Amino acid sequence: CRSLHQYDIFAGHNDYPGIPKAVMEPLLCGMPVLLNHAKKEVIPELTEEICFLTDNTQEGYESALKELIEDDDLRETLGRSARAYAQDTWDPVRAEARYADIYRNVMQ
């Protein structure tokens, strides 16, 4: 996690029925994230607004990486959108405060 900010693109493969922590972390860092389309079920949080989604093929990844490398504006837009969404959704400080509020309400 400490070195994520040194990279330009996070490319991964996801077969999980949700978002792996390994994907949340680069989103929180504001990295453009490249992932395959989910084949089992759609993951509603992983939209094309915050991720570059591609076919799960060598050609799909090759084409997507080429587009991301060549298009500075696209990388910047994806990174900014990813960070804004991730900060609002998974920011550790906000998440902890939400859990604390839930616990306080339950204890009352």
C-alpha atoms as a PDB file:
ATOM      1  CA  CYS A   1       0.000   0.000   0.000  1.00  0.00           C
ATOM      2  CA  ARG A   2       2.815   2.413   0.783  1.00  0.00           C
ATOM      3  CA  SER A   3       4.082   2.347  -2.794  1.00  0.00           C
ATOM      4  CA  LEU A   4       0.770   2.518  -4.699  1.00  0.00           C
ATOM      5  CA  HIS A   5       1.091   6.276  -5.178  1.00  0.00           C
ATOM      6  CA  GLN A   6       4.264   5.679  -7.212  1.00  0.00           C
ATOM      7  CA  TYR A   7       2.427   3.886 -10.022  1.00  0.00           C
ATOM      8  CA  ASP A   8       0.259   5.149 -12.876  1.00  0.00           C
ATOM      9  CA  ILE A   9      -2.247   2.313 -13.316  1.00  0.00           C
ATOM     10  CA  PHE A  10      -3.512  -0.597 -11.246  1.00  0.00           C
ATOM     11  CA  ALA A  11      -4.436  -3.589 -13.408  1.00  0.00           C
ATOM     12  CA  GLY A  12      -6.061  -6.587 -11.821  1.00  0.00           C
ATOM     13  CA  HIS A  13      -8.324  -9.541 -12.337  1.00  0.00           C
ATOM     14  CA  ASN A  14     -11.463 -10.000 -10.267  1.00  0.00           C
ATOM     15  CA  ASP A  15     -13.585 -13.130  -9.957  1.00  0.00           C
ATOM     16  CA  TYR A  16     -14.964 -12.192  -6.535  1.00  0.00           C
ATOM     17  CA  PRO A  17     -18.643 -11.433  -5.923  1.00  0.00           C
ATOM     18  CA  GLY A  18     -17.623  -8.033  -4.576  1.00  0.00           C
ATOM     19  CA  ILE A  19     -14.699  -5.647  -4.394  1.00  0.00           C
ATOM     20  CA  PRO A  20     -11.428  -7.067  -3.084  1.00  0.00           C
ATOM     21  CA  LYS A  21      -9.420  -4.962  -0.639  1.00  0.00           C
ATOM     22  CA  ALA A  22      -6.609  -5.068  -3.189  1.00  0.00           C
ATOM     23  CA  VAL A  23      -8.865  -3.002  -5.488  1.00  0.00           C
ATOM     24  CA  MET A  24     -10.195  -0.661  -2.784  1.00  0.00           C
ATOM     25  CA  GLU A  25      -6.687   0.485  -1.897  1.00  0.00           C
ATOM     26  CA  PRO A  26      -5.708   1.832  -5.335  1.00  0.00           C
ATOM     27  CA  LEU A  27      -9.150   3.424  -5.660  1.00  0.00           C
ATOM     28  CA  LEU A  28      -8.530   5.223  -2.350  1.00  0.00           C
ATOM     29  CA  CYS A  29      -5.149   6.377  -3.696  1.00  0.00           C
ATOM     30  CA  GLY A  30      -6.812   7.820  -6.784  1.00  0.00           C
ATOM     31  CA  MET A  31      -5.238   5.408  -9.230  1.00  0.00           C
ATOM     32  CA  PRO A  32      -6.958   4.521 -12.469  1.00  0.00           C
ATOM     33  CA  VAL A  33      -8.011   0.889 -12.046  1.00  0.00           C
ATOM     34  CA  LEU A  34      -8.251  -1.615 -14.892  1.00  0.00           C
ATOM     35  CA  LEU A  35     -10.368  -4.709 -14.221  1.00  0.00           C
ATOM     36  CA  ASN A  36     -12.144  -7.387 -16.161  1.00  0.00           C
ATOM     37  CA  HIS A  37     -15.921  -7.328 -16.502  1.00  0.00           C
ATOM     38  CA  ALA A  38     -17.441  -9.526 -13.805  1.00  0.00           C
ATOM     39  CA  LYS A  39     -18.515 -12.798 -15.351  1.00  0.00           C
ATOM     40  CA  LYS A  40     -20.531 -14.275 -12.501  1.00  0.00           C
ATOM     41  CA  GLU A  41     -22.506 -11.284 -11.291  1.00  0.00           C
ATOM     42  CA  VAL A  42     -22.421  -7.556 -11.830  1.00  0.00           C
ATOM     43  CA  ILE A  43     -20.684  -5.626  -9.056  1.00  0.00           C
ATOM     44  CA  PRO A  44     -22.708  -2.397  -8.888  1.00  0.00           C
ATOM     45  CA  GLU A  45     -19.926  -0.390  -7.221  1.00  0.00           C
ATOM     46  CA  LEU A  46     -17.436  -1.145  -9.986  1.00  0.00           C
ATOM     47  CA  THR A  47     -18.753   1.164 -12.661  1.00  0.00           C
ATOM     48  CA  GLU A  48     -17.014   2.588 -15.690  1.00  0.00           C
ATOM     49  CA  GLU A  49     -17.027   5.926 -13.868  1.00  0.00           C
ATOM     50  CA  ILE A  50     -14.384   4.680 -11.422  1.00  0.00           C
ATOM     51  CA  CYS A  51     -12.814   1.710 -13.257  1.00  0.00           C
ATOM     52  CA  PHE A  52     -11.745   0.888 -16.767  1.00  0.00           C
ATOM     53  CA  LEU A  53     -13.536  -2.407 -17.390  1.00  0.00           C
ATOM     54  CA  THR A  54     -12.382  -4.763 -20.124  1.00  0.00           C
ATOM     55  CA  ASP A  55     -12.956  -8.222 -21.506  1.00  0.00           C
ATOM     56  CA  ASN A  56     -11.113 -10.925 -19.606  1.00  0.00           C
ATOM     57  CA  THR A  57      -8.789 -11.709 -22.503  1.00  0.00           C
ATOM     58  CA  GLN A  58      -5.201 -10.924 -23.352  1.00  0.00           C
ATOM     59  CA  GLU A  59      -6.444  -8.717 -26.175  1.00  0.00           C
ATOM     60  CA  GLY A  60      -8.865  -6.907 -23.864  1.00  0.00           C
ATOM     61  CA  TYR A  61      -6.184  -6.073 -21.319  1.00  0.00           C
ATOM     62  CA  GLU A  62      -3.655  -5.149 -23.997  1.00  0.00           C
ATOM     63  CA  SER A  63      -6.084  -2.762 -25.684  1.00  0.00           C
ATOM     64  CA  ALA A  64      -7.233  -1.250 -22.392  1.00  0.00           C
ATOM     65  CA  LEU A  65      -3.685  -0.707 -21.127  1.00  0.00           C
ATOM     66  CA  LYS A  66      -2.718   0.918 -24.419  1.00  0.00           C
ATOM     67  CA  GLU A  67      -5.695   3.280 -24.221  1.00  0.00           C
ATOM     68  CA  LEU A  68      -4.966   4.191 -20.602  1.00  0.00           C
ATOM     69  CA  ILE A  69      -1.263   4.749 -21.284  1.00  0.00           C
ATOM     70  CA  GLU A  70      -1.943   6.967 -24.295  1.00  0.00           C
ATOM     71  CA  ASP A  71      -4.801   9.031 -22.827  1.00  0.00           C
ATOM     72  CA  ASP A  72      -3.626  11.271 -19.976  1.00  0.00           C
ATOM     73  CA  ASP A  73      -7.065  12.850 -19.574  1.00  0.00           C
ATOM     74  CA  LEU A  74      -8.747   9.460 -19.242  1.00  0.00           C
ATOM     75  CA  ARG A  75      -6.261   8.340 -16.571  1.00  0.00           C
ATOM     76  CA  GLU A  76      -6.718  11.571 -14.651  1.00  0.00           C
ATOM     77  CA  THR A  77     -10.514  11.480 -14.867  1.00  0.00           C
ATOM     78  CA  LEU A  78     -10.684   7.844 -13.738  1.00  0.00           C
ATOM     79  CA  GLY A  79      -8.243   8.474 -10.899  1.00  0.00           C
ATOM     80  CA  ARG A  80     -10.114  11.517  -9.610  1.00  0.00           C
ATOM     81  CA  SER A  81     -13.492   9.780  -9.866  1.00  0.00           C
ATOM     82  CA  ALA A  82     -12.116   6.675  -8.183  1.00  0.00           C
ATOM     83  CA  ARG A  83     -10.669   8.645  -5.282  1.00  0.00           C
ATOM     84  CA  ALA A  84     -13.803  10.717  -4.755  1.00  0.00           C
ATOM     85  CA  TYR A  85     -16.022   7.624  -4.744  1.00  0.00           C
ATOM     86  CA  ALA A  86     -13.655   5.604  -2.566  1.00  0.00           C
ATOM     87  CA  GLN A  87     -13.141   8.412  -0.045  1.00  0.00           C
ATOM     88  CA  ASP A  88     -16.876   8.851   0.280  1.00  0.00           C
ATOM     89  CA  THR A  89     -17.514   5.117   0.536  1.00  0.00           C
ATOM     90  CA  TRP A  90     -14.514   3.469   2.258  1.00  0.00           C
ATOM     91  CA  ASP A  91     -12.427   6.196   3.850  1.00  0.00           C
ATOM     92  CA  PRO A  92     -11.202   4.548   7.073  1.00  0.00           C
ATOM     93  CA  VAL A  93     -11.923   7.589   9.257  1.00  0.00           C
ATOM     94  CA  ARG A  94     -15.460   7.978   7.905  1.00  0.00           C
ATOM     95  CA  ALA A  95     -16.120   4.245   8.085  1.00  0.00           C
ATOM     96  CA  GLU A  96     -14.949   4.118  11.699  1.00  0.00           C
ATOM     97  CA  ALA A  97     -17.182   7.067  12.588  1.00  0.00           C
ATOM     98  CA  ARG A  98     -20.177   5.341  10.967  1.00  0.00           C
ATOM     99  CA  TYR A  99     -19.552   2.167  12.969  1.00  0.00           C
ATOM    100  CA  ALA A 100     -19.151   4.182  16.166  1.00  0.00           C
ATOM    101  CA  ASP A 101     -22.508   5.867  15.483  1.00  0.00           C
ATOM    102  CA  ILE A 102     -24.153   2.479  14.936  1.00  0.00           C
ATOM    103  CA  TYR A 103     -22.709   1.133  18.195  1.00  0.00           C
ATOM    104  CA  ARG A 104     -23.853   4.241  20.114  1.00  0.00           C
ATOM    105  CA  ASN A 105     -27.379   3.872  18.738  1.00  0.00           C
ATOM    106  CA  VAL A 106     -27.482   0.181  19.637  1.00  0.00           C
ATOM    107  CA  MET A 107     -26.233   0.852  23.173  1.00  0.00           C
ATOM    108  CA  GLN A 108     -28.936   3.477  23.736  1.00  0.00           C
END
